[in-house]
Amino acid sequence: MADGIRVKLDTIRELGFASILVTYAAIGSATDDNARIVFAGNDSDADVYITNDGVNNKWKLKANSFRLLDITCNKTPYAPLFFEKGTTFSAKRVSGAPTSGGVWIEITSAEGGR
């Protein structure tokens, strides 16, 4: 058996442009493990806000952009960082409605939540 922690890739969570409204809509389902790397992409033609609490604007993604969070790259063994299991990411438009594309979230976890 190899030393280390096995990577777990989650199914992509997506939200099409027609569902990006003035109120937050979930981008797929809640995470089923602790997320260590989060990629948020926006290939729509509108700016969007992303949140993990369904209420407060946390990240602004410009049209046709992305954000990559590798929140464990500088962790210590005693203070691991992660988005906890059960986190739901949501999106809403900043101003005008998008007419194409959508937003998506890609999650990388450590198998078993470690």
PDB file of N, CA and C in Angstrom:
ATOM      1  N   MET A   1       0.845  -1.176   0.000  1.00  0.00           N
ATOM      2  CA  MET A   1       0.000   0.000   0.000  1.00  0.00           C
ATOM      3  C   MET A   1       0.891   1.238   0.000  1.00  0.00           C
ATOM      4  N   ALA A   2       0.505   2.248  -0.767  1.00  0.00           N
ATOM      5  CA  ALA A   2       1.264   3.492  -0.866  1.00  0.00           C
ATOM      6  C   ALA A   2       1.057   4.362   0.368  1.00  0.00           C
ATOM      7  N   ASP A   3       2.108   5.095   0.725  1.00  0.00           N
ATOM      8  CA  ASP A   3       1.998   6.058   1.810  1.00  0.00           C
ATOM      9  C   ASP A   3       1.271   7.291   1.308  1.00  0.00           C
ATOM     10  N   GLY A   4       0.624   8.002   2.207  1.00  0.00           N
ATOM     11  CA  GLY A   4      -0.031   9.250   1.832  1.00  0.00           C
ATOM     12  C   GLY A   4      -1.536   9.192   1.987  1.00  0.00           C
ATOM     13  N   ILE A   5      -2.176  10.212   1.453  1.00  0.00           N
ATOM     14  CA  ILE A   5      -3.628  10.342   1.539  1.00  0.00           C
ATOM     15  C   ILE A   5      -4.204  10.271   0.137  1.00  0.00           C
ATOM     16  N   ARG A   6      -5.169   9.412  -0.053  1.00  0.00           N
ATOM     17  CA  ARG A   6      -5.776   9.217  -1.363  1.00  0.00           C
ATOM     18  C   ARG A   6      -6.707  10.374  -1.726  1.00  0.00           C
ATOM     19  N   VAL A   7      -6.591  10.856  -2.959  1.00  0.00           N
ATOM     20  CA  VAL A   7      -7.423  11.949  -3.461  1.00  0.00           C
ATOM     21  C   VAL A   7      -8.801  11.422  -3.841  1.00  0.00           C
ATOM     22  N   LYS A   8      -9.821  12.209  -3.525  1.00  0.00           N
ATOM     23  CA  LYS A   8     -11.193  11.873  -3.898  1.00  0.00           C
ATOM     24  C   LYS A   8     -11.756  13.034  -4.716  1.00  0.00           C
ATOM     25  N   LEU A   9     -12.140  12.777  -5.954  1.00  0.00           N
ATOM     26  CA  LEU A   9     -12.743  13.790  -6.812  1.00  0.00           C
ATOM     27  C   LEU A   9     -14.252  13.646  -6.767  1.00  0.00           C
ATOM     28  N   ASP A  10     -14.949  14.728  -6.442  1.00  0.00           N
ATOM     29  CA  ASP A  10     -16.411  14.713  -6.422  1.00  0.00           C
ATOM     30  C   ASP A  10     -16.966  14.941  -7.818  1.00  0.00           C
ATOM     31  N   THR A  11     -18.211  14.593  -7.992  1.00  0.00           N
ATOM     32  CA  THR A  11     -18.926  14.886  -9.227  1.00  0.00           C
ATOM     33  C   THR A  11     -19.072  16.398  -9.358  1.00  0.00           C
ATOM     34  N   ILE A  12     -18.928  16.899 -10.564  1.00  0.00           N
ATOM     35  CA  ILE A  12     -19.050  18.345 -10.809  1.00  0.00           C
ATOM     36  C   ILE A  12     -20.457  18.810 -10.459  1.00  0.00           C
ATOM     37  N   ARG A  13     -20.513  19.946  -9.795  1.00  0.00           N
ATOM     38  CA  ARG A  13     -21.788  20.597  -9.461  1.00  0.00           C
ATOM     39  C   ARG A  13     -21.963  21.759 -10.434  1.00  0.00           C
ATOM     40  N   GLU A  14     -23.123  21.844 -11.097  1.00  0.00           N
ATOM     41  CA  GLU A  14     -23.325  22.846 -12.134  1.00  0.00           C
ATOM     42  C   GLU A  14     -24.640  23.596 -11.963  1.00  0.00           C
ATOM     43  N   LEU A  15     -24.663  24.827 -12.486  1.00  0.00           N
ATOM     44  CA  LEU A  15     -25.858  25.658 -12.509  1.00  0.00           C
ATOM     45  C   LEU A  15     -25.858  26.406 -13.840  1.00  0.00           C
ATOM     46  N   GLY A  16     -26.857  26.137 -14.680  1.00  0.00           N
ATOM     47  CA  GLY A  16     -26.946  26.764 -15.994  1.00  0.00           C
ATOM     48  C   GLY A  16     -27.342  28.226 -15.923  1.00  0.00           C
ATOM     49  N   PHE A  17     -27.051  28.955 -16.986  1.00  0.00           N
ATOM     50  CA  PHE A  17     -27.279  30.405 -17.009  1.00  0.00           C
ATOM     51  C   PHE A  17     -28.725  30.792 -16.708  1.00  0.00           C
ATOM     52  N   ALA A  18     -29.697  29.996 -17.147  1.00  0.00           N
ATOM     53  CA  ALA A  18     -31.102  30.340 -16.925  1.00  0.00           C
ATOM     54  C   ALA A  18     -31.492  30.278 -15.450  1.00  0.00           C
ATOM     55  N   SER A  19     -30.692  29.577 -14.639  1.00  0.00           N
ATOM     56  CA  SER A  19     -30.986  29.450 -13.205  1.00  0.00           C
ATOM     57  C   SER A  19     -30.188  30.426 -12.346  1.00  0.00           C
ATOM     58  N   ILE A  20     -29.373  31.267 -12.973  1.00  0.00           N
ATOM     59  CA  ILE A  20     -28.616  32.274 -12.236  1.00  0.00           C
ATOM     60  C   ILE A  20     -29.487  33.515 -12.142  1.00  0.00           C
ATOM     61  N   LEU A  21     -30.073  33.713 -10.974  1.00  0.00           N
ATOM     62  CA  LEU A  21     -31.104  34.732 -10.776  1.00  0.00           C
ATOM     63  C   LEU A  21     -30.613  35.840  -9.849  1.00  0.00           C
ATOM     64  N   VAL A  22     -31.523  36.682  -9.375  1.00  0.00           N
ATOM     65  CA  VAL A  22     -31.175  37.761  -8.442  1.00  0.00           C
ATOM     66  C   VAL A  22     -31.078  37.254  -7.005  1.00  0.00           C
ATOM     67  N   THR A  23     -31.547  36.043  -6.741  1.00  0.00           N
ATOM     68  CA  THR A  23     -31.394  35.409  -5.430  1.00  0.00           C
ATOM     69  C   THR A  23     -30.513  34.176  -5.603  1.00  0.00           C
ATOM     70  N   TYR A  24     -29.926  33.733  -4.517  1.00  0.00           N
ATOM     71  CA  TYR A  24     -29.004  32.602  -4.595  1.00  0.00           C
ATOM     72  C   TYR A  24     -29.708  31.304  -4.965  1.00  0.00           C
ATOM     73  N   ALA A  25     -29.076  30.545  -5.861  1.00  0.00           N
ATOM     74  CA  ALA A  25     -29.519  29.203  -6.242  1.00  0.00           C
ATOM     75  C   ALA A  25     -28.354  28.248  -6.029  1.00  0.00           C
ATOM     76  N   ALA A  26     -28.622  27.075  -5.493  1.00  0.00           N
ATOM     77  CA  ALA A  26     -27.575  26.089  -5.211  1.00  0.00           C
ATOM     78  C   ALA A  26     -26.904  25.622  -6.496  1.00  0.00           C
ATOM     79  N   ILE A  27     -25.585  25.496  -6.420  1.00  0.00           N
ATOM     80  CA  ILE A  27     -24.811  24.919  -7.516  1.00  0.00           C
ATOM     81  C   ILE A  27     -24.668  23.437  -7.186  1.00  0.00           C
ATOM     82  N   GLY A  28     -25.623  22.647  -7.595  1.00  0.00           N
ATOM     83  CA  GLY A  28     -25.608  21.221  -7.295  1.00  0.00           C
ATOM     84  C   GLY A  28     -25.877  20.928  -5.832  1.00  0.00           C
ATOM     85  N   SER A  29     -25.423  19.780  -5.410  1.00  0.00           N
ATOM     86  CA  SER A  29     -25.713  19.292  -4.057  1.00  0.00           C
ATOM     87  C   SER A  29     -24.631  19.710  -3.063  1.00  0.00           C
ATOM     88  N   ALA A  30     -24.917  19.475  -1.795  1.00  0.00           N
ATOM     89  CA  ALA A  30     -23.950  19.740  -0.726  1.00  0.00           C
ATOM     90  C   ALA A  30     -22.765  18.786  -0.844  1.00  0.00           C
ATOM     91  N   THR A  31     -21.632  19.207  -0.334  1.00  0.00           N
ATOM     92  CA  THR A  31     -20.460  18.344  -0.365  1.00  0.00           C
ATOM     93  C   THR A  31     -20.685  17.131   0.544  1.00  0.00           C
ATOM     94  N   ASP A  32     -20.148  15.994   0.124  1.00  0.00           N
ATOM     95  CA  ASP A  32     -20.327  14.783   0.924  1.00  0.00           C
ATOM     96  C   ASP A  32     -19.058  14.403   1.686  1.00  0.00           C
ATOM     97  N   ASP A  33     -18.075  15.290   1.668  1.00  0.00           N
ATOM     98  CA  ASP A  33     -16.849  15.100   2.428  1.00  0.00           C
ATOM     99  C   ASP A  33     -16.224  16.479   2.650  1.00  0.00           C
ATOM    100  N   ASN A  34     -15.169  16.561   3.427  1.00  0.00           N
ATOM    101  CA  ASN A  34     -14.481  17.826   3.656  1.00  0.00           C
ATOM    102  C   ASN A  34     -13.714  18.217   2.393  1.00  0.00           C
ATOM    103  N   ALA A  35     -13.996  19.408   1.848  1.00  0.00           N
ATOM    104  CA  ALA A  35     -13.374  19.865   0.598  1.00  0.00           C
ATOM    105  C   ALA A  35     -12.035  20.528   0.880  1.00  0.00           C
ATOM    106  N   ARG A  36     -10.987  20.036   0.230  1.00  0.00           N
ATOM    107  CA  ARG A  36      -9.643  20.571   0.430  1.00  0.00           C
ATOM    108  C   ARG A  36      -9.219  21.494  -0.704  1.00  0.00           C
ATOM    109  N   ILE A  37      -9.708  21.233  -1.912  1.00  0.00           N
ATOM    110  CA  ILE A  37      -9.435  22.089  -3.064  1.00  0.00           C
ATOM    111  C   ILE A  37     -10.772  22.370  -3.736  1.00  0.00           C
ATOM    112  N   VAL A  38     -11.059  23.660  -3.979  1.00  0.00           N
ATOM    113  CA  VAL A  38     -12.319  24.060  -4.600  1.00  0.00           C
ATOM    114  C   VAL A  38     -12.007  24.894  -5.839  1.00  0.00           C
ATOM    115  N   PHE A  39     -12.579  24.501  -6.964  1.00  0.00           N
ATOM    116  CA  PHE A  39     -12.466  25.261  -8.206  1.00  0.00           C
ATOM    117  C   PHE A  39     -13.860  25.768  -8.541  1.00  0.00           C
ATOM    118  N   ALA A  40     -14.003  27.083  -8.674  1.00  0.00           N
ATOM    119  CA  ALA A  40     -15.277  27.691  -9.065  1.00  0.00           C
ATOM    120  C   ALA A  40     -15.078  28.335 -10.424  1.00  0.00           C
ATOM    121  N   GLY A  41     -15.866  27.912 -11.409  1.00  0.00           N
ATOM    122  CA  GLY A  41     -15.753  28.441 -12.758  1.00  0.00           C
ATOM    123  C   GLY A  41     -17.012  29.162 -13.184  1.00  0.00           C
ATOM    124  N   ASN A  42     -16.849  30.175 -14.012  1.00  0.00           N
ATOM    125  CA  ASN A  42     -17.971  30.930 -14.559  1.00  0.00           C
ATOM    126  C   ASN A  42     -17.718  31.134 -16.043  1.00  0.00           C
ATOM    127  N   ASP A  43     -18.385  30.357 -16.877  1.00  0.00           N
ATOM    128  CA  ASP A  43     -18.247  30.576 -18.320  1.00  0.00           C
ATOM    129  C   ASP A  43     -19.496  31.253 -18.888  1.00  0.00           C
ATOM    130  N   SER A  44     -20.264  31.898 -18.021  1.00  0.00           N
ATOM    131  CA  SER A  44     -21.407  32.673 -18.482  1.00  0.00           C
ATOM    132  C   SER A  44     -20.919  34.041 -18.965  1.00  0.00           C
ATOM    133  N   ASP A  45     -21.824  34.793 -19.556  1.00  0.00           N
ATOM    134  CA  ASP A  45     -21.483  36.129 -20.044  1.00  0.00           C
ATOM    135  C   ASP A  45     -21.878  37.218 -19.045  1.00  0.00           C
ATOM    136  N   ALA A  46     -21.987  36.858 -17.757  1.00  0.00           N
ATOM    137  CA  ALA A  46     -22.332  37.825 -16.710  1.00  0.00           C
ATOM    138  C   ALA A  46     -21.491  37.560 -15.467  1.00  0.00           C
ATOM    139  N   ASP A  47     -21.249  38.610 -14.688  1.00  0.00           N
ATOM    140  CA  ASP A  47     -20.571  38.456 -13.404  1.00  0.00           C
ATOM    141  C   ASP A  47     -21.524  37.794 -12.407  1.00  0.00           C
ATOM    142  N   VAL A  48     -20.964  36.954 -11.517  1.00  0.00           N
ATOM    143  CA  VAL A  48     -21.787  36.281 -10.513  1.00  0.00           C
ATOM    144  C   VAL A  48     -21.121  36.383  -9.142  1.00  0.00           C
ATOM    145  N   TYR A  49     -21.963  36.299  -8.113  1.00  0.00           N
ATOM    146  CA  TYR A  49     -21.482  36.151  -6.740  1.00  0.00           C
ATOM    147  C   TYR A  49     -21.610  34.676  -6.369  1.00  0.00           C
ATOM    148  N   ILE A  50     -20.661  34.198  -5.575  1.00  0.00           N
ATOM    149  CA  ILE A  50     -20.678  32.832  -5.052  1.00  0.00           C
ATOM    150  C   ILE A  50     -20.699  32.931  -3.534  1.00  0.00           C
ATOM    151  N   THR A  51     -21.426  32.029  -2.893  1.00  0.00           N
ATOM    152  CA  THR A  51     -21.462  31.991  -1.435  1.00  0.00           C
ATOM    153  C   THR A  51     -21.459  30.546  -0.956  1.00  0.00           C
ATOM    154  N   ASN A  52     -21.111  30.371   0.304  1.00  0.00           N
ATOM    155  CA  ASN A  52     -21.221  29.058   0.930  1.00  0.00           C
ATOM    156  C   ASN A  52     -22.236  29.083   2.067  1.00  0.00           C
ATOM    157  N   ASP A  53     -22.922  30.230   2.261  1.00  0.00           N
ATOM    158  CA  ASP A  53     -23.948  30.288   3.304  1.00  0.00           C
ATOM    159  C   ASP A  53     -25.336  30.654   2.757  1.00  0.00           C
ATOM    160  N   GLY A  54     -25.449  30.865   1.452  1.00  0.00           N
ATOM    161  CA  GLY A  54     -26.745  31.140   0.833  1.00  0.00           C
ATOM    162  C   GLY A  54     -27.276  32.536   1.067  1.00  0.00           C
ATOM    163  N   VAL A  55     -26.498  33.393   1.730  1.00  0.00           N
ATOM    164  CA  VAL A  55     -26.973  34.730   2.095  1.00  0.00           C
ATOM    165  C   VAL A  55     -25.982  35.826   1.695  1.00  0.00           C
ATOM    166  N   ASN A  56     -24.736  35.666   2.109  1.00  0.00           N
ATOM    167  CA  ASN A  56     -23.734  36.720   1.957  1.00  0.00           C
ATOM    168  C   ASN A  56     -22.843  36.491   0.739  1.00  0.00           C
ATOM    169  N   ASN A  57     -22.566  37.549   0.000  1.00  0.00           N
ATOM    170  CA  ASN A  57     -21.667  37.478  -1.153  1.00  0.00           C
ATOM    171  C   ASN A  57     -20.251  37.209  -0.652  1.00  0.00           C
ATOM    172  N   LYS A  58     -19.648  36.111  -1.088  1.00  0.00           N
ATOM    173  CA  LYS A  58     -18.308  35.746  -0.630  1.00  0.00           C
ATOM    174  C   LYS A  58     -17.255  35.972  -1.715  1.00  0.00           C
ATOM    175  N   TRP A  59     -17.527  35.541  -2.953  1.00  0.00           N
ATOM    176  CA  TRP A  59     -16.599  35.718  -4.061  1.00  0.00           C
ATOM    177  C   TRP A  59     -17.352  36.319  -5.227  1.00  0.00           C
ATOM    178  N   LYS A  60     -16.681  37.179  -5.960  1.00  0.00           N
ATOM    179  CA  LYS A  60     -17.241  37.701  -7.201  1.00  0.00           C
ATOM    180  C   LYS A  60     -16.438  37.096  -8.337  1.00  0.00           C
ATOM    181  N   LEU A  61     -17.144  36.407  -9.220  1.00  0.00           N
ATOM    182  CA  LEU A  61     -16.497  35.830 -10.391  1.00  0.00           C
ATOM    183  C   LEU A  61     -16.921  36.629 -11.612  1.00  0.00           C
ATOM    184  N   LYS A  62     -15.961  37.252 -12.251  1.00  0.00           N
ATOM    185  CA  LYS A  62     -16.243  37.977 -13.477  1.00  0.00           C
ATOM    186  C   LYS A  62     -16.690  36.975 -14.548  1.00  0.00           C
ATOM    187  N   ALA A  63     -17.380  37.467 -15.558  1.00  0.00           N
ATOM    188  CA  ALA A  63     -17.787  36.613 -16.682  1.00  0.00           C
ATOM    189  C   ALA A  63     -16.540  35.929 -17.260  1.00  0.00           C
ATOM    190  N   ASN A  64     -16.684  34.663 -17.609  1.00  0.00           N
ATOM    191  CA  ASN A  64     -15.598  33.885 -18.219  1.00  0.00           C
ATOM    192  C   ASN A  64     -14.322  33.886 -17.376  1.00  0.00           C
ATOM    193  N   SER A  65     -14.481  33.595 -16.082  1.00  0.00           N
ATOM    194  CA  SER A  65     -13.324  33.539 -15.193  1.00  0.00           C
ATOM    195  C   SER A  65     -13.472  32.351 -14.234  1.00  0.00           C
ATOM    196  N   PHE A  66     -12.489  32.195 -13.361  1.00  0.00           N
ATOM    197  CA  PHE A  66     -12.550  31.121 -12.372  1.00  0.00           C
ATOM    198  C   PHE A  66     -11.798  31.537 -11.129  1.00  0.00           C
ATOM    199  N   ARG A  67     -11.992  30.766 -10.074  1.00  0.00           N
ATOM    200  CA  ARG A  67     -11.228  30.933  -8.837  1.00  0.00           C
ATOM    201  C   ARG A  67     -10.853  29.537  -8.352  1.00  0.00           C
ATOM    202  N   LEU A  68      -9.588  29.373  -7.998  1.00  0.00           N
ATOM    203  CA  LEU A  68      -9.086  28.107  -7.481  1.00  0.00           C
ATOM    204  C   LEU A  68      -8.607  28.322  -6.062  1.00  0.00           C
ATOM    205  N   LEU A  69      -9.158  27.562  -5.129  1.00  0.00           N
ATOM    206  CA  LEU A  69      -8.773  27.640  -3.725  1.00  0.00           C
ATOM    207  C   LEU A  69      -8.137  26.321  -3.313  1.00  0.00           C
ATOM    208  N   ASP A  70      -6.847  26.334  -3.132  1.00  0.00           N
ATOM    209  CA  ASP A  70      -6.145  25.176  -2.593  1.00  0.00           C
ATOM    210  C   ASP A  70      -5.880  25.504  -1.131  1.00  0.00           C
ATOM    211  N   ILE A  71      -6.886  25.280  -0.319  1.00  0.00           N
ATOM    212  CA  ILE A  71      -6.808  25.756   1.064  1.00  0.00           C
ATOM    213  C   ILE A  71      -5.969  24.867   1.970  1.00  0.00           C
ATOM    214  N   THR A  72      -5.447  23.770   1.448  1.00  0.00           N
ATOM    215  CA  THR A  72      -4.601  22.924   2.292  1.00  0.00           C
ATOM    216  C   THR A  72      -3.131  23.035   1.930  1.00  0.00           C
ATOM    217  N   CYS A  73      -2.774  23.889   0.986  1.00  0.00           N
ATOM    218  CA  CYS A  73      -1.374  23.942   0.549  1.00  0.00           C
ATOM    219  C   CYS A  73      -0.435  24.403   1.667  1.00  0.00           C
ATOM    220  N   ASN A  74      -0.904  25.201   2.609  1.00  0.00           N
ATOM    221  CA  ASN A  74      -0.042  25.684   3.686  1.00  0.00           C
ATOM    222  C   ASN A  74      -0.497  25.210   5.061  1.00  0.00           C
ATOM    223  N   LYS A  75      -1.195  24.110   5.109  1.00  0.00           N
ATOM    224  CA  LYS A  75      -1.709  23.618   6.382  1.00  0.00           C
ATOM    225  C   LYS A  75      -0.596  22.975   7.207  1.00  0.00           C
ATOM    226  N   THR A  76      -0.856  22.822   8.479  1.00  0.00           N
ATOM    227  CA  THR A  76       0.028  22.056   9.345  1.00  0.00           C
ATOM    228  C   THR A  76      -0.728  20.803   9.772  1.00  0.00           C
ATOM    229  N   PRO A  77      -0.038  19.803  10.269  1.00  0.00           N
ATOM    230  CA  PRO A  77      -0.737  18.583  10.710  1.00  0.00           C
ATOM    231  C   PRO A  77      -1.739  18.839  11.838  1.00  0.00           C
ATOM    232  N   TYR A  78      -1.552  19.936  12.565  1.00  0.00           N
ATOM    233  CA  TYR A  78      -2.399  20.207  13.715  1.00  0.00           C
ATOM    234  C   TYR A  78      -3.515  21.214  13.423  1.00  0.00           C
ATOM    235  N   ALA A  79      -3.488  21.815  12.238  1.00  0.00           N
ATOM    236  CA  ALA A  79      -4.501  22.806  11.890  1.00  0.00           C
ATOM    237  C   ALA A  79      -4.927  22.643  10.429  1.00  0.00           C
ATOM    238  N   PRO A  80      -5.542  21.511  10.092  1.00  0.00           N
ATOM    239  CA  PRO A  80      -5.951  21.303   8.702  1.00  0.00           C
ATOM    240  C   PRO A  80      -7.084  22.258   8.313  1.00  0.00           C
ATOM    241  N   LEU A  81      -7.044  22.743   7.091  1.00  0.00           N
ATOM    242  CA  LEU A  81      -8.078  23.628   6.572  1.00  0.00           C
ATOM    243  C   LEU A  81      -8.948  22.865   5.580  1.00  0.00           C
ATOM    244  N   PHE A  82     -10.246  23.148   5.583  1.00  0.00           N
ATOM    245  CA  PHE A  82     -11.154  22.531   4.632  1.00  0.00           C
ATOM    246  C   PHE A  82     -12.517  23.199   4.737  1.00  0.00           C
ATOM    247  N   PHE A  83     -13.327  23.073   3.680  1.00  0.00           N
ATOM    248  CA  PHE A  83     -14.749  23.406   3.775  1.00  0.00           C
ATOM    249  C   PHE A  83     -15.417  22.151   4.299  1.00  0.00           C
ATOM    250  N   GLU A  84     -16.206  22.282   5.347  1.00  0.00           N
ATOM    251  CA  GLU A  84     -16.744  21.103   5.999  1.00  0.00           C
ATOM    252  C   GLU A  84     -17.769  20.360   5.146  1.00  0.00           C
ATOM    253  N   LYS A  85     -17.873  19.085   5.415  1.00  0.00           N
ATOM    254  CA  LYS A  85     -18.873  18.231   4.791  1.00  0.00           C
ATOM    255  C   LYS A  85     -20.249  18.878   4.961  1.00  0.00           C
ATOM    256  N   GLY A  86     -21.047  18.858   3.900  1.00  0.00           N
ATOM    257  CA  GLY A  86     -22.384  19.439   3.946  1.00  0.00           C
ATOM    258  C   GLY A  86     -22.449  20.877   3.440  1.00  0.00           C
ATOM    259  N   THR A  87     -21.314  21.425   2.980  1.00  0.00           N
ATOM    260  CA  THR A  87     -21.300  22.783   2.436  1.00  0.00           C
ATOM    261  C   THR A  87     -22.012  22.813   1.091  1.00  0.00           C
ATOM    262  N   THR A  88     -22.901  23.784   0.919  1.00  0.00           N
ATOM    263  CA  THR A  88     -23.561  24.006  -0.365  1.00  0.00           C
ATOM    264  C   THR A  88     -23.093  25.343  -0.914  1.00  0.00           C
ATOM    265  N   PHE A  89     -22.557  25.322  -2.118  1.00  0.00           N
ATOM    266  CA  PHE A  89     -22.164  26.545  -2.796  1.00  0.00           C
ATOM    267  C   PHE A  89     -23.328  27.012  -3.653  1.00  0.00           C
ATOM    268  N   SER A  90     -23.539  28.330  -3.696  1.00  0.00           N
ATOM    269  CA  SER A  90     -24.653  28.910  -4.441  1.00  0.00           C
ATOM    270  C   SER A  90     -24.160  30.096  -5.245  1.00  0.00           C
ATOM    271  N   ALA A  91     -24.948  30.469  -6.267  1.00  0.00           N
ATOM    272  CA  ALA A  91     -24.580  31.596  -7.128  1.00  0.00           C
ATOM    273  C   ALA A  91     -25.795  32.467  -7.395  1.00  0.00           C
ATOM    274  N   LYS A  92     -25.522  33.755  -7.630  1.00  0.00           N
ATOM    275  CA  LYS A  92     -26.547  34.686  -8.108  1.00  0.00           C
ATOM    276  C   LYS A  92     -25.850  35.705  -9.003  1.00  0.00           C
ATOM    277  N   ARG A  93     -26.636  36.345  -9.848  1.00  0.00           N
ATOM    278  CA  ARG A  93     -26.040  37.319 -10.760  1.00  0.00           C
ATOM    279  C   ARG A  93     -25.739  38.628 -10.031  1.00  0.00           C
ATOM    280  N   VAL A  94     -24.760  39.341 -10.520  1.00  0.00           N
ATOM    281  CA  VAL A  94     -24.395  40.630  -9.947  1.00  0.00           C
ATOM    282  C   VAL A  94     -25.339  41.704 -10.451  1.00  0.00           C
ATOM    283  N   SER A  95     -25.588  41.719 -11.762  1.00  0.00           N
ATOM    284  CA  SER A  95     -26.523  42.711 -12.316  1.00  0.00           C
ATOM    285  C   SER A  95     -27.331  42.067 -13.437  1.00  0.00           C
ATOM    286  N   GLY A  96     -26.950  42.261 -14.674  1.00  0.00           N
ATOM    287  CA  GLY A  96     -27.731  41.732 -15.790  1.00  0.00           C
ATOM    288  C   GLY A  96     -27.750  40.218 -15.849  1.00  0.00           C
ATOM    289  N   ALA A  97     -28.841  39.688 -16.409  1.00  0.00           N
ATOM    290  CA  ALA A  97     -29.007  38.236 -16.505  1.00  0.00           C
ATOM    291  C   ALA A  97     -28.080  37.646 -17.573  1.00  0.00           C
ATOM    292  N   PRO A  98     -27.432  36.521 -17.266  1.00  0.00           N
ATOM    293  CA  PRO A  98     -26.609  35.864 -18.272  1.00  0.00           C
ATOM    294  C   PRO A  98     -27.478  35.256 -19.376  1.00  0.00           C
ATOM    295  N   THR A  99     -26.904  35.145 -20.551  1.00  0.00           N
ATOM    296  CA  THR A  99     -27.643  34.576 -21.693  1.00  0.00           C
ATOM    297  C   THR A  99     -26.985  33.319 -22.249  1.00  0.00           C
ATOM    298  N   SER A 100     -25.886  32.902 -21.636  1.00  0.00           N
ATOM    299  CA  SER A 100     -25.221  31.676 -22.078  1.00  0.00           C
ATOM    300  C   SER A 100     -24.320  31.166 -20.957  1.00  0.00           C
ATOM    301  N   GLY A 101     -23.881  29.919 -21.099  1.00  0.00           N
ATOM    302  CA  GLY A 101     -22.930  29.329 -20.158  1.00  0.00           C
ATOM    303  C   GLY A 101     -23.537  28.967 -18.822  1.00  0.00           C
ATOM    304  N   GLY A 102     -22.747  29.098 -17.779  1.00  0.00           N
ATOM    305  CA  GLY A 102     -23.192  28.768 -16.433  1.00  0.00           C
ATOM    306  C   GLY A 102     -22.023  28.810 -15.465  1.00  0.00           C
ATOM    307  N   VAL A 103     -22.258  28.334 -14.262  1.00  0.00           N
ATOM    308  CA  VAL A 103     -21.211  28.254 -13.242  1.00  0.00           C
ATOM    309  C   VAL A 103     -21.097  26.812 -12.770  1.00  0.00           C
ATOM    310  N   TRP A 104     -19.933  26.470 -12.262  1.00  0.00           N
ATOM    311  CA  TRP A 104     -19.740  25.119 -11.752  1.00  0.00           C
ATOM    312  C   TRP A 104     -18.717  25.131 -10.637  1.00  0.00           C
ATOM    313  N   ILE A 105     -18.782  24.083  -9.831  1.00  0.00           N
ATOM    314  CA  ILE A 105     -17.858  23.881  -8.713  1.00  0.00           C
ATOM    315  C   ILE A 105     -17.255  22.485  -8.855  1.00  0.00           C
ATOM    316  N   GLU A 106     -15.942  22.407  -8.736  1.00  0.00           N
ATOM    317  CA  GLU A 106     -15.238  21.131  -8.709  1.00  0.00           C
ATOM    318  C   GLU A 106     -14.583  20.991  -7.335  1.00  0.00           C
ATOM    319  N   ILE A 107     -14.758  19.848  -6.705  1.00  0.00           N
ATOM    320  CA  ILE A 107     -14.283  19.617  -5.342  1.00  0.00           C
ATOM    321  C   ILE A 107     -13.270  18.472  -5.322  1.00  0.00           C
ATOM    322  N   THR A 108     -12.151  18.700  -4.645  1.00  0.00           N
ATOM    323  CA  THR A 108     -11.191  17.640  -4.378  1.00  0.00           C
ATOM    324  C   THR A 108     -11.115  17.477  -2.867  1.00  0.00           C
ATOM    325  N   SER A 109     -11.287  16.241  -2.419  1.00  0.00           N
ATOM    326  CA  SER A 109     -11.245  15.907  -1.001  1.00  0.00           C
ATOM    327  C   SER A 109     -10.147  14.886  -0.767  1.00  0.00           C
ATOM    328  N   ALA A 110      -9.922  14.592   0.488  1.00  0.00           N
ATOM    329  CA  ALA A 110      -9.042  13.497   0.857  1.00  0.00           C
ATOM    330  C   ALA A 110      -9.941  12.351   1.270  1.00  0.00           C
ATOM    331  N   GLU A 111      -9.739  11.193   0.703  1.00  0.00           N
ATOM    332  CA  GLU A 111     -10.611  10.075   1.007  1.00  0.00           C
ATOM    333  C   GLU A 111     -10.709   9.863   2.513  1.00  0.00           C
ATOM    334  N   GLY A 112     -11.924   9.797   3.009  1.00  0.00           N
ATOM    335  CA  GLY A 112     -12.149   9.610   4.435  1.00  0.00           C
ATOM    336  C   GLY A 112     -12.143  10.905   5.221  1.00  0.00           C
ATOM    337  N   GLY A 113     -12.048  12.059   4.531  1.00  0.00           N
ATOM    338  CA  GLY A 113     -12.112  13.340   5.206  1.00  0.00           C
ATOM    339  C   GLY A 113     -10.837  13.772   5.903  1.00  0.00           C
ATOM    340  N   ARG A 114      -9.774  13.011   5.757  1.00  0.00           N
ATOM    341  CA  ARG A 114      -8.515  13.357   6.448  1.00  0.00           C
ATOM    342  C   ARG A 114      -7.861  14.564   5.859  1.00  0.00           C
TER     343      ARG A 114
END
